[in-house]
Amino acid sequence: MSYCVKHATTFHTQTCERCSDESTIARLTAEAERLSARCVTLETAALKVIEFNLREANDRYRDANRANDWACVRVLRAALHNDLAPPAKEDSDG
């Protein structure tokens, strides 16, 4: 049997359950923060790509709205609005 000084408890495993839980919470919190920052980065990039395409349509056709029909702009806008459905699973039979 071991003793955890931090929580003043005894335990039979290698680590105090409360210490283990705190460690897990800290790791999950750090991962959530990392993913949140990554989402902001990706959102910023998507908005820039949309902007670049609007400029390209304006330069090429003198009509920025034509970019709204381009697949890359539609896909990025759908992703930004969480309207993308998960990809369909391919049938592995045959």
PDB file of N, CA and C in Angstrom:
ATOM      1  N   MET A   1       0.850  -1.163   0.000  1.00  0.00           N
ATOM      2  CA  MET A   1       0.000   0.000   0.000  1.00  0.00           C
ATOM      3  C   MET A   1       0.906   1.239   0.000  1.00  0.00           C
ATOM      4  N   SER A   2       0.464   2.266  -0.757  1.00  0.00           N
ATOM      5  CA  SER A   2       1.229   3.512  -0.838  1.00  0.00           C
ATOM      6  C   SER A   2       0.417   4.653  -0.261  1.00  0.00           C
ATOM      7  N   TYR A   3       1.091   5.775  -0.043  1.00  0.00           N
ATOM      8  CA  TYR A   3       0.444   6.937   0.564  1.00  0.00           C
ATOM      9  C   TYR A   3       0.692   8.166  -0.307  1.00  0.00           C
ATOM     10  N   CYS A   4      -0.362   8.901  -0.569  1.00  0.00           N
ATOM     11  CA  CYS A   4      -0.254  10.133  -1.348  1.00  0.00           C
ATOM     12  C   CYS A   4      -0.209  11.305  -0.376  1.00  0.00           C
ATOM     13  N   VAL A   5       0.912  11.986  -0.344  1.00  0.00           N
ATOM     14  CA  VAL A   5       1.074  13.121   0.563  1.00  0.00           C
ATOM     15  C   VAL A   5       0.162  14.271   0.141  1.00  0.00           C
ATOM     16  N   LYS A   6       0.019  14.479  -1.145  1.00  0.00           N
ATOM     17  CA  LYS A   6      -0.777  15.592  -1.665  1.00  0.00           C
ATOM     18  C   LYS A   6      -2.238  15.484  -1.228  1.00  0.00           C
ATOM     19  N   HIS A   7      -2.801  14.285  -1.297  1.00  0.00           N
ATOM     20  CA  HIS A   7      -4.213  14.098  -0.991  1.00  0.00           C
ATOM     21  C   HIS A   7      -4.445  13.376   0.336  1.00  0.00           C
ATOM     22  N   ALA A   8      -3.382  13.068   1.011  1.00  0.00           N
ATOM     23  CA  ALA A   8      -3.460  12.392   2.316  1.00  0.00           C
ATOM     24  C   ALA A   8      -4.334  11.149   2.261  1.00  0.00           C
ATOM     25  N   THR A   9      -4.068  10.333   1.245  1.00  0.00           N
ATOM     26  CA  THR A   9      -4.832   9.092   1.091  1.00  0.00           C
ATOM     27  C   THR A   9      -3.881   7.938   0.832  1.00  0.00           C
ATOM     28  N   THR A  10      -4.353   6.762   1.076  1.00  0.00           N
ATOM     29  CA  THR A  10      -3.594   5.562   0.733  1.00  0.00           C
ATOM     30  C   THR A  10      -4.212   4.954  -0.522  1.00  0.00           C
ATOM     31  N   PHE A  11      -3.398   4.206  -1.256  1.00  0.00           N
ATOM     32  CA  PHE A  11      -3.907   3.596  -2.478  1.00  0.00           C
ATOM     33  C   PHE A  11      -3.135   2.318  -2.760  1.00  0.00           C
ATOM     34  N   HIS A  12      -3.754   1.459  -3.552  1.00  0.00           N
ATOM     35  CA  HIS A  12      -3.168   0.153  -3.854  1.00  0.00           C
ATOM     36  C   HIS A  12      -2.567   0.107  -5.260  1.00  0.00           C
ATOM     37  N   THR A  13      -2.852   1.108  -6.075  1.00  0.00           N
ATOM     38  CA  THR A  13      -2.329   1.120  -7.439  1.00  0.00           C
ATOM     39  C   THR A  13      -1.013   1.889  -7.475  1.00  0.00           C
ATOM     40  N   GLN A  14      -0.476   2.086  -8.669  1.00  0.00           N
ATOM     41  CA  GLN A  14       0.794   2.803  -8.791  1.00  0.00           C
ATOM     42  C   GLN A  14       0.641   4.299  -8.556  1.00  0.00           C
ATOM     43  N   THR A  15      -0.547   4.825  -8.793  1.00  0.00           N
ATOM     44  CA  THR A  15      -0.783   6.263  -8.667  1.00  0.00           C
ATOM     45  C   THR A  15      -2.076   6.512  -7.915  1.00  0.00           C
ATOM     46  N   CYS A  16      -2.078   7.545  -7.098  1.00  0.00           N
ATOM     47  CA  CYS A  16      -3.291   7.981  -6.410  1.00  0.00           C
ATOM     48  C   CYS A  16      -4.353   8.317  -7.464  1.00  0.00           C
ATOM     49  N   GLU A  17      -5.574   7.852  -7.261  1.00  0.00           N
ATOM     50  CA  GLU A  17      -6.633   8.097  -8.243  1.00  0.00           C
ATOM     51  C   GLU A  17      -6.865   9.581  -8.477  1.00  0.00           C
ATOM     52  N   ARG A  18      -6.843  10.379  -7.423  1.00  0.00           N
ATOM     53  CA  ARG A  18      -7.066  11.819  -7.577  1.00  0.00           C
ATOM     54  C   ARG A  18      -5.937  12.474  -8.355  1.00  0.00           C
ATOM     55  N   CYS A  19      -4.690  12.047  -8.105  1.00  0.00           N
ATOM     56  CA  CYS A  19      -3.558  12.573  -8.876  1.00  0.00           C
ATOM     57  C   CYS A  19      -3.689  12.173 -10.344  1.00  0.00           C
ATOM     58  N   SER A  20      -4.080  10.941 -10.573  1.00  0.00           N
ATOM     59  CA  SER A  20      -4.264  10.450 -11.929  1.00  0.00           C
ATOM     60  C   SER A  20      -5.356  11.227 -12.643  1.00  0.00           C
ATOM     61  N   ASP A  21      -6.477  11.469 -11.960  1.00  0.00           N
ATOM     62  CA  ASP A  21      -7.580  12.245 -12.544  1.00  0.00           C
ATOM     63  C   ASP A  21      -7.137  13.668 -12.863  1.00  0.00           C
ATOM     64  N   GLU A  22      -6.397  14.284 -11.967  1.00  0.00           N
ATOM     65  CA  GLU A  22      -5.920  15.647 -12.193  1.00  0.00           C
ATOM     66  C   GLU A  22      -4.986  15.702 -13.393  1.00  0.00           C
ATOM     67  N   SER A  23      -4.152  14.697 -13.532  1.00  0.00           N
ATOM     68  CA  SER A  23      -3.236  14.632 -14.664  1.00  0.00           C
ATOM     69  C   SER A  23      -4.009  14.476 -15.972  1.00  0.00           C
ATOM     70  N   THR A  24      -5.016  13.628 -15.959  1.00  0.00           N
ATOM     71  CA  THR A  24      -5.838  13.425 -17.148  1.00  0.00           C
ATOM     72  C   THR A  24      -6.580  14.700 -17.514  1.00  0.00           C
ATOM     73  N   ILE A  25      -7.148  15.371 -16.539  1.00  0.00           N
ATOM     74  CA  ILE A  25      -7.860  16.627 -16.788  1.00  0.00           C
ATOM     75  C   ILE A  25      -6.913  17.667 -17.364  1.00  0.00           C
ATOM     76  N   ALA A  26      -5.711  17.759 -16.828  1.00  0.00           N
ATOM     77  CA  ALA A  26      -4.731  18.724 -17.332  1.00  0.00           C
ATOM     78  C   ALA A  26      -4.363  18.427 -18.780  1.00  0.00           C
ATOM     79  N   ARG A  27      -4.151  17.130 -19.101  1.00  0.00           N
ATOM     80  CA  ARG A  27      -3.820  16.753 -20.481  1.00  0.00           C
ATOM     81  C   ARG A  27      -4.965  17.061 -21.427  1.00  0.00           C
ATOM     82  N   LEU A  28      -6.195  16.745 -21.015  1.00  0.00           N
ATOM     83  CA  LEU A  28      -7.353  17.000 -21.873  1.00  0.00           C
ATOM     84  C   LEU A  28      -7.593  18.490 -22.063  1.00  0.00           C
ATOM     85  N   THR A  29      -7.383  19.269 -21.020  1.00  0.00           N
ATOM     86  CA  THR A  29      -7.541  20.726 -21.121  1.00  0.00           C
ATOM     87  C   THR A  29      -6.515  21.303 -22.092  1.00  0.00           C
ATOM     88  N   ALA A  30      -5.276  20.848 -21.988  1.00  0.00           N
ATOM     89  CA  ALA A  30      -4.221  21.322 -22.893  1.00  0.00           C
ATOM     90  C   ALA A  30      -4.539  20.941 -24.339  1.00  0.00           C
ATOM     91  N   GLU A  31      -5.035  19.727 -24.541  1.00  0.00           N
ATOM     92  CA  GLU A  31      -5.390  19.288 -25.897  1.00  0.00           C
ATOM     93  C   GLU A  31      -6.566  20.092 -26.443  1.00  0.00           C
ATOM     94  N   ALA A  32      -7.554  20.385 -25.614  1.00  0.00           N
ATOM     95  CA  ALA A  32      -8.696  21.203 -26.037  1.00  0.00           C
ATOM     96  C   ALA A  32      -8.240  22.601 -26.443  1.00  0.00           C
ATOM     97  N   GLU A  33      -7.327  23.172 -25.691  1.00  0.00           N
ATOM     98  CA  GLU A  33      -6.804  24.500 -26.023  1.00  0.00           C
ATOM     99  C   GLU A  33      -6.026  24.467 -27.332  1.00  0.00           C
ATOM    100  N   ARG A  34      -5.245  23.408 -27.536  1.00  0.00           N
ATOM    101  CA  ARG A  34      -4.482  23.273 -28.778  1.00  0.00           C
ATOM    102  C   ARG A  34      -5.409  23.142 -29.986  1.00  0.00           C
ATOM    103  N   LEU A  35      -6.461  22.328 -29.829  1.00  0.00           N
ATOM    104  CA  LEU A  35      -7.415  22.145 -30.923  1.00  0.00           C
ATOM    105  C   LEU A  35      -8.201  23.426 -31.205  1.00  0.00           C
ATOM    106  N   SER A  36      -8.538  24.153 -30.165  1.00  0.00           N
ATOM    107  CA  SER A  36      -9.249  25.418 -30.341  1.00  0.00           C
ATOM    108  C   SER A  36      -8.397  26.404 -31.129  1.00  0.00           C
ATOM    109  N   ALA A  37      -7.112  26.500 -30.786  1.00  0.00           N
ATOM    110  CA  ALA A  37      -6.206  27.386 -31.514  1.00  0.00           C
ATOM    111  C   ALA A  37      -6.065  26.937 -32.963  1.00  0.00           C
ATOM    112  N   ARG A  38      -6.028  25.626 -33.178  1.00  0.00           N
ATOM    113  CA  ARG A  38      -5.920  25.088 -34.530  1.00  0.00           C
ATOM    114  C   ARG A  38      -7.163  25.435 -35.344  1.00  0.00           C
ATOM    115  N   CYS A  39      -8.330  25.372 -34.720  1.00  0.00           N
ATOM    116  CA  CYS A  39      -9.576  25.728 -35.408  1.00  0.00           C
ATOM    117  C   CYS A  39      -9.562  27.190 -35.849  1.00  0.00           C
ATOM    118  N   VAL A  40      -9.072  28.058 -34.980  1.00  0.00           N
ATOM    119  CA  VAL A  40      -8.988  29.478 -35.323  1.00  0.00           C
ATOM    120  C   VAL A  40      -8.052  29.661 -36.511  1.00  0.00           C
ATOM    121  N   THR A  41      -6.929  28.965 -36.506  1.00  0.00           N
ATOM    122  CA  THR A  41      -5.963  29.052 -37.604  1.00  0.00           C
ATOM    123  C   THR A  41      -6.588  28.579 -38.910  1.00  0.00           C
ATOM    124  N   LEU A  42      -7.290  27.454 -38.863  1.00  0.00           N
ATOM    125  CA  LEU A  42      -7.920  26.918 -40.070  1.00  0.00           C
ATOM    126  C   LEU A  42      -9.046  27.811 -40.561  1.00  0.00           C
ATOM    127  N   GLU A  43      -9.807  28.384 -39.640  1.00  0.00           N
ATOM    128  CA  GLU A  43     -10.883  29.296 -40.036  1.00  0.00           C
ATOM    129  C   GLU A  43     -10.309  30.530 -40.720  1.00  0.00           C
ATOM    130  N   THR A  44      -9.241  31.062 -40.174  1.00  0.00           N
ATOM    131  CA  THR A  44      -8.589  32.225 -40.769  1.00  0.00           C
ATOM    132  C   THR A  44      -8.084  31.894 -42.167  1.00  0.00           C
ATOM    133  N   ALA A  45      -7.480  30.734 -42.317  1.00  0.00           N
ATOM    134  CA  ALA A  45      -6.980  30.310 -43.625  1.00  0.00           C
ATOM    135  C   ALA A  45      -8.125  30.148 -44.623  1.00  0.00           C
ATOM    136  N   ALA A  46      -9.227  29.554 -44.197  1.00  0.00           N
ATOM    137  CA  ALA A  46     -10.378  29.360 -45.090  1.00  0.00           C
ATOM    138  C   ALA A  46     -10.924  30.703 -45.562  1.00  0.00           C
ATOM    139  N   LEU A  47     -11.024  31.653 -44.650  1.00  0.00           N
ATOM    140  CA  LEU A  47     -11.520  32.986 -45.024  1.00  0.00           C
ATOM    141  C   LEU A  47     -10.583  33.662 -46.018  1.00  0.00           C
ATOM    142  N   LYS A  48      -9.279  33.472 -45.851  1.00  0.00           N
ATOM    143  CA  LYS A  48      -8.315  34.048 -46.791  1.00  0.00           C
ATOM    144  C   LYS A  48      -8.443  33.423 -48.169  1.00  0.00           C
ATOM    145  N   VAL A  49      -8.625  32.090 -48.214  1.00  0.00           N
ATOM    146  CA  VAL A  49      -8.779  31.412 -49.501  1.00  0.00           C
ATOM    147  C   VAL A  49     -10.042  31.904 -50.208  1.00  0.00           C
ATOM    148  N   ILE A  50     -11.122  32.076 -49.461  1.00  0.00           N
ATOM    149  CA  ILE A  50     -12.349  32.614 -50.052  1.00  0.00           C
ATOM    150  C   ILE A  50     -12.096  34.016 -50.595  1.00  0.00           C
ATOM    151  N   GLU A  51     -11.419  34.838 -49.811  1.00  0.00           N
ATOM    152  CA  GLU A  51     -11.109  36.200 -50.248  1.00  0.00           C
ATOM    153  C   GLU A  51     -10.251  36.197 -51.513  1.00  0.00           C
ATOM    154  N   PHE A  52      -9.234  35.319 -51.557  1.00  0.00           N
ATOM    155  CA  PHE A  52      -8.382  35.236 -52.748  1.00  0.00           C
ATOM    156  C   PHE A  52      -9.205  34.851 -53.979  1.00  0.00           C
ATOM    157  N   ASN A  53     -10.131  33.926 -53.806  1.00  0.00           N
ATOM    158  CA  ASN A  53     -10.961  33.500 -54.930  1.00  0.00           C
ATOM    159  C   ASN A  53     -11.909  34.598 -55.374  1.00  0.00           C
ATOM    160  N   LEU A  54     -12.441  35.366 -54.439  1.00  0.00           N
ATOM    161  CA  LEU A  54     -13.294  36.498 -54.808  1.00  0.00           C
ATOM    162  C   LEU A  54     -12.502  37.519 -55.626  1.00  0.00           C
ATOM    163  N   ARG A  55     -11.278  37.776 -55.204  1.00  0.00           N
ATOM    164  CA  ARG A  55     -10.431  38.702 -55.960  1.00  0.00           C
ATOM    165  C   ARG A  55     -10.125  38.161 -57.355  1.00  0.00           C
ATOM    166  N   GLU A  56      -9.829  36.865 -57.418  1.00  0.00           N
ATOM    167  CA  GLU A  56      -9.531  36.246 -58.714  1.00  0.00           C
ATOM    168  C   GLU A  56     -10.732  36.364 -59.652  1.00  0.00           C
ATOM    169  N   ALA A  57     -11.914  36.088 -59.140  1.00  0.00           N
ATOM    170  CA  ALA A  57     -13.125  36.199 -59.973  1.00  0.00           C
ATOM    171  C   ALA A  57     -13.337  37.643 -60.415  1.00  0.00           C
ATOM    172  N   ASN A  58     -13.079  38.568 -59.515  1.00  0.00           N
ATOM    173  CA  ASN A  58     -13.232  39.975 -59.873  1.00  0.00           C
ATOM    174  C   ASN A  58     -12.206  40.381 -60.934  1.00  0.00           C
ATOM    175  N   ASP A  59     -10.957  39.946 -60.774  1.00  0.00           N
ATOM    176  CA  ASP A  59      -9.920  40.277 -61.755  1.00  0.00           C
ATOM    177  C   ASP A  59     -10.185  39.619 -63.098  1.00  0.00           C
ATOM    178  N   ARG A  60     -10.634  38.376 -63.068  1.00  0.00           N
ATOM    179  CA  ARG A  60     -10.818  37.619 -64.305  1.00  0.00           C
ATOM    180  C   ARG A  60     -12.114  37.974 -65.019  1.00  0.00           C
ATOM    181  N   TYR A  61     -13.201  38.115 -64.259  1.00  0.00           N
ATOM    182  CA  TYR A  61     -14.518  38.296 -64.880  1.00  0.00           C
ATOM    183  C   TYR A  61     -15.181  39.630 -64.530  1.00  0.00           C
ATOM    184  N   ARG A  62     -14.531  40.420 -63.689  1.00  0.00           N
ATOM    185  CA  ARG A  62     -15.097  41.670 -63.181  1.00  0.00           C
ATOM    186  C   ARG A  62     -16.402  41.423 -62.423  1.00  0.00           C
ATOM    187  N   ASP A  63     -16.482  40.230 -61.824  1.00  0.00           N
ATOM    188  CA  ASP A  63     -17.662  39.856 -61.046  1.00  0.00           C
ATOM    189  C   ASP A  63     -17.226  38.905 -59.928  1.00  0.00           C
ATOM    190  N   ALA A  64     -17.022  39.461 -58.757  1.00  0.00           N
ATOM    191  CA  ALA A  64     -16.549  38.655 -57.621  1.00  0.00           C
ATOM    192  C   ALA A  64     -17.554  37.570 -57.242  1.00  0.00           C
ATOM    193  N   ASN A  65     -18.834  37.792 -57.496  1.00  0.00           N
ATOM    194  CA  ASN A  65     -19.856  36.820 -57.129  1.00  0.00           C
ATOM    195  C   ASN A  65     -19.729  35.503 -57.883  1.00  0.00           C
ATOM    196  N   ARG A  66     -19.036  35.507 -58.997  1.00  0.00           N
ATOM    197  CA  ARG A  66     -18.843  34.249 -59.738  1.00  0.00           C
ATOM    198  C   ARG A  66     -18.060  33.246 -58.918  1.00  0.00           C
ATOM    199  N   ALA A  67     -17.233  33.722 -57.997  1.00  0.00           N
ATOM    200  CA  ALA A  67     -16.444  32.808 -57.157  1.00  0.00           C
ATOM    201  C   ALA A  67     -17.350  31.978 -56.257  1.00  0.00           C
ATOM    202  N   ASN A  68     -18.549  32.473 -55.991  1.00  0.00           N
ATOM    203  CA  ASN A  68     -19.474  31.729 -55.133  1.00  0.00           C
ATOM    204  C   ASN A  68     -19.912  30.410 -55.763  1.00  0.00           C
ATOM    205  N   ASP A  69     -19.738  30.275 -57.067  1.00  0.00           N
ATOM    206  CA  ASP A  69     -20.092  29.037 -57.757  1.00  0.00           C
ATOM    207  C   ASP A  69     -18.914  28.059 -57.824  1.00  0.00           C
ATOM    208  N   TRP A  70     -17.752  28.492 -57.424  1.00  0.00           N
ATOM    209  CA  TRP A  70     -16.573  27.633 -57.474  1.00  0.00           C
ATOM    210  C   TRP A  70     -16.602  26.654 -56.317  1.00  0.00           C
ATOM    211  N   ALA A  71     -16.230  25.426 -56.609  1.00  0.00           N
ATOM    212  CA  ALA A  71     -16.306  24.361 -55.602  1.00  0.00           C
ATOM    213  C   ALA A  71     -15.505  24.686 -54.351  1.00  0.00           C
ATOM    214  N   CYS A  72     -14.308  25.221 -54.508  1.00  0.00           N
ATOM    215  CA  CYS A  72     -13.482  25.489 -53.324  1.00  0.00           C
ATOM    216  C   CYS A  72     -14.158  26.494 -52.395  1.00  0.00           C
ATOM    217  N   VAL A  73     -14.811  27.498 -52.954  1.00  0.00           N
ATOM    218  CA  VAL A  73     -15.498  28.497 -52.129  1.00  0.00           C
ATOM    219  C   VAL A  73     -16.719  27.881 -51.464  1.00  0.00           C
ATOM    220  N   ARG A  74     -17.473  27.083 -52.209  1.00  0.00           N
ATOM    221  CA  ARG A  74     -18.661  26.432 -51.626  1.00  0.00           C
ATOM    222  C   ARG A  74     -18.274  25.498 -50.488  1.00  0.00           C
ATOM    223  N   VAL A  75     -17.228  24.697 -50.689  1.00  0.00           N
ATOM    224  CA  VAL A  75     -16.801  23.735 -49.668  1.00  0.00           C
ATOM    225  C   VAL A  75     -16.305  24.464 -48.421  1.00  0.00           C
ATOM    226  N   LEU A  76     -15.503  25.495 -48.615  1.00  0.00           N
ATOM    227  CA  LEU A  76     -14.990  26.234 -47.459  1.00  0.00           C
ATOM    228  C   LEU A  76     -16.105  26.938 -46.690  1.00  0.00           C
ATOM    229  N   ARG A  77     -17.043  27.531 -47.411  1.00  0.00           N
ATOM    230  CA  ARG A  77     -18.159  28.195 -46.714  1.00  0.00           C
ATOM    231  C   ARG A  77     -19.013  27.182 -45.961  1.00  0.00           C
ATOM    232  N   ALA A  78     -19.244  26.032 -46.571  1.00  0.00           N
ATOM    233  CA  ALA A  78     -20.011  24.987 -45.885  1.00  0.00           C
ATOM    234  C   ALA A  78     -19.281  24.534 -44.626  1.00  0.00           C
ATOM    235  N   ALA A  79     -17.969  24.374 -44.729  1.00  0.00           N
ATOM    236  CA  ALA A  79     -17.184  23.955 -43.559  1.00  0.00           C
ATOM    237  C   ALA A  79     -17.239  25.018 -42.465  1.00  0.00           C
ATOM    238  N   LEU A  80     -17.160  26.274 -42.848  1.00  0.00           N
ATOM    239  CA  LEU A  80     -17.217  27.354 -41.869  1.00  0.00           C
ATOM    240  C   LEU A  80     -18.575  27.417 -41.175  1.00  0.00           C
ATOM    241  N   HIS A  81     -19.592  26.963 -41.865  1.00  0.00           N
ATOM    242  CA  HIS A  81     -20.947  26.973 -41.286  1.00  0.00           C
ATOM    243  C   HIS A  81     -21.352  25.599 -40.772  1.00  0.00           C
ATOM    244  N   ASN A  82     -20.402  24.675 -40.692  1.00  0.00           N
ATOM    245  CA  ASN A  82     -20.646  23.312 -40.200  1.00  0.00           C
ATOM    246  C   ASN A  82     -21.737  22.597 -40.978  1.00  0.00           C
ATOM    247  N   ASP A  83     -21.829  22.892 -42.263  1.00  0.00           N
ATOM    248  CA  ASP A  83     -22.853  22.269 -43.088  1.00  0.00           C
ATOM    249  C   ASP A  83     -22.331  21.060 -43.853  1.00  0.00           C
ATOM    250  N   LEU A  84     -21.072  20.718 -43.659  1.00  0.00           N
ATOM    251  CA  LEU A  84     -20.535  19.582 -44.394  1.00  0.00           C
ATOM    252  C   LEU A  84     -20.981  18.282 -43.761  1.00  0.00           C
ATOM    253  N   ALA A  85     -21.527  17.436 -44.550  1.00  0.00           N
ATOM    254  CA  ALA A  85     -21.894  16.107 -44.063  1.00  0.00           C
ATOM    255  C   ALA A  85     -20.627  15.268 -44.019  1.00  0.00           C
ATOM    256  N   PRO A  86     -20.577  14.305 -43.131  1.00  0.00           N
ATOM    257  CA  PRO A  86     -19.395  13.424 -43.120  1.00  0.00           C
ATOM    258  C   PRO A  86     -19.302  12.686 -44.436  1.00  0.00           C
ATOM    259  N   PRO A  87     -18.093  12.391 -44.876  1.00  0.00           N
ATOM    260  CA  PRO A  87     -17.955  11.705 -46.171  1.00  0.00           C
ATOM    261  C   PRO A  87     -18.649  10.344 -46.133  1.00  0.00           C
ATOM    262  N   ALA A  88     -19.239  10.011 -47.261  1.00  0.00           N
ATOM    263  CA  ALA A  88     -19.929   8.723 -47.362  1.00  0.00           C
ATOM    264  C   ALA A  88     -18.889   7.615 -47.322  1.00  0.00           C
ATOM    265  N   LYS A  89     -19.231   6.555 -46.624  1.00  0.00           N
ATOM    266  CA  LYS A  89     -18.321   5.413 -46.554  1.00  0.00           C
ATOM    267  C   LYS A  89     -18.389   4.652 -47.865  1.00  0.00           C
ATOM    268  N   GLU A  90     -17.208   4.331 -48.376  1.00  0.00           N
ATOM    269  CA  GLU A  90     -17.161   3.549 -49.608  1.00  0.00           C
ATOM    270  C   GLU A  90     -17.476   2.104 -49.303  1.00  0.00           C
ATOM    271  N   ASP A  91     -18.204   1.493 -50.182  1.00  0.00           N
ATOM    272  CA  ASP A  91     -18.554   0.088 -50.020  1.00  0.00           C
ATOM    273  C   ASP A  91     -17.338  -0.744 -50.402  1.00  0.00           C
ATOM    274  N   SER A  92     -16.830  -1.540 -49.467  1.00  0.00           N
ATOM    275  CA  SER A  92     -15.635  -2.338 -49.720  1.00  0.00           C
ATOM    276  C   SER A  92     -15.956  -3.666 -50.391  1.00  0.00           C
ATOM    277  N   ASP A  93     -17.224  -3.949 -50.624  1.00  0.00           N
ATOM    278  CA  ASP A  93     -17.602  -5.204 -51.286  1.00  0.00           C
ATOM    279  C   ASP A  93     -17.405  -5.062 -52.778  1.00  0.00           C
ATOM    280  N   GLY A  94     -16.811  -6.095 -53.377  1.00  0.00           N
ATOM    281  CA  GLY A  94     -16.747  -6.206 -54.802  1.00  0.00           C
ATOM    282  C   GLY A  94     -15.696  -5.478 -55.436  1.00  0.00           C
TER     283      GLY A  94
END
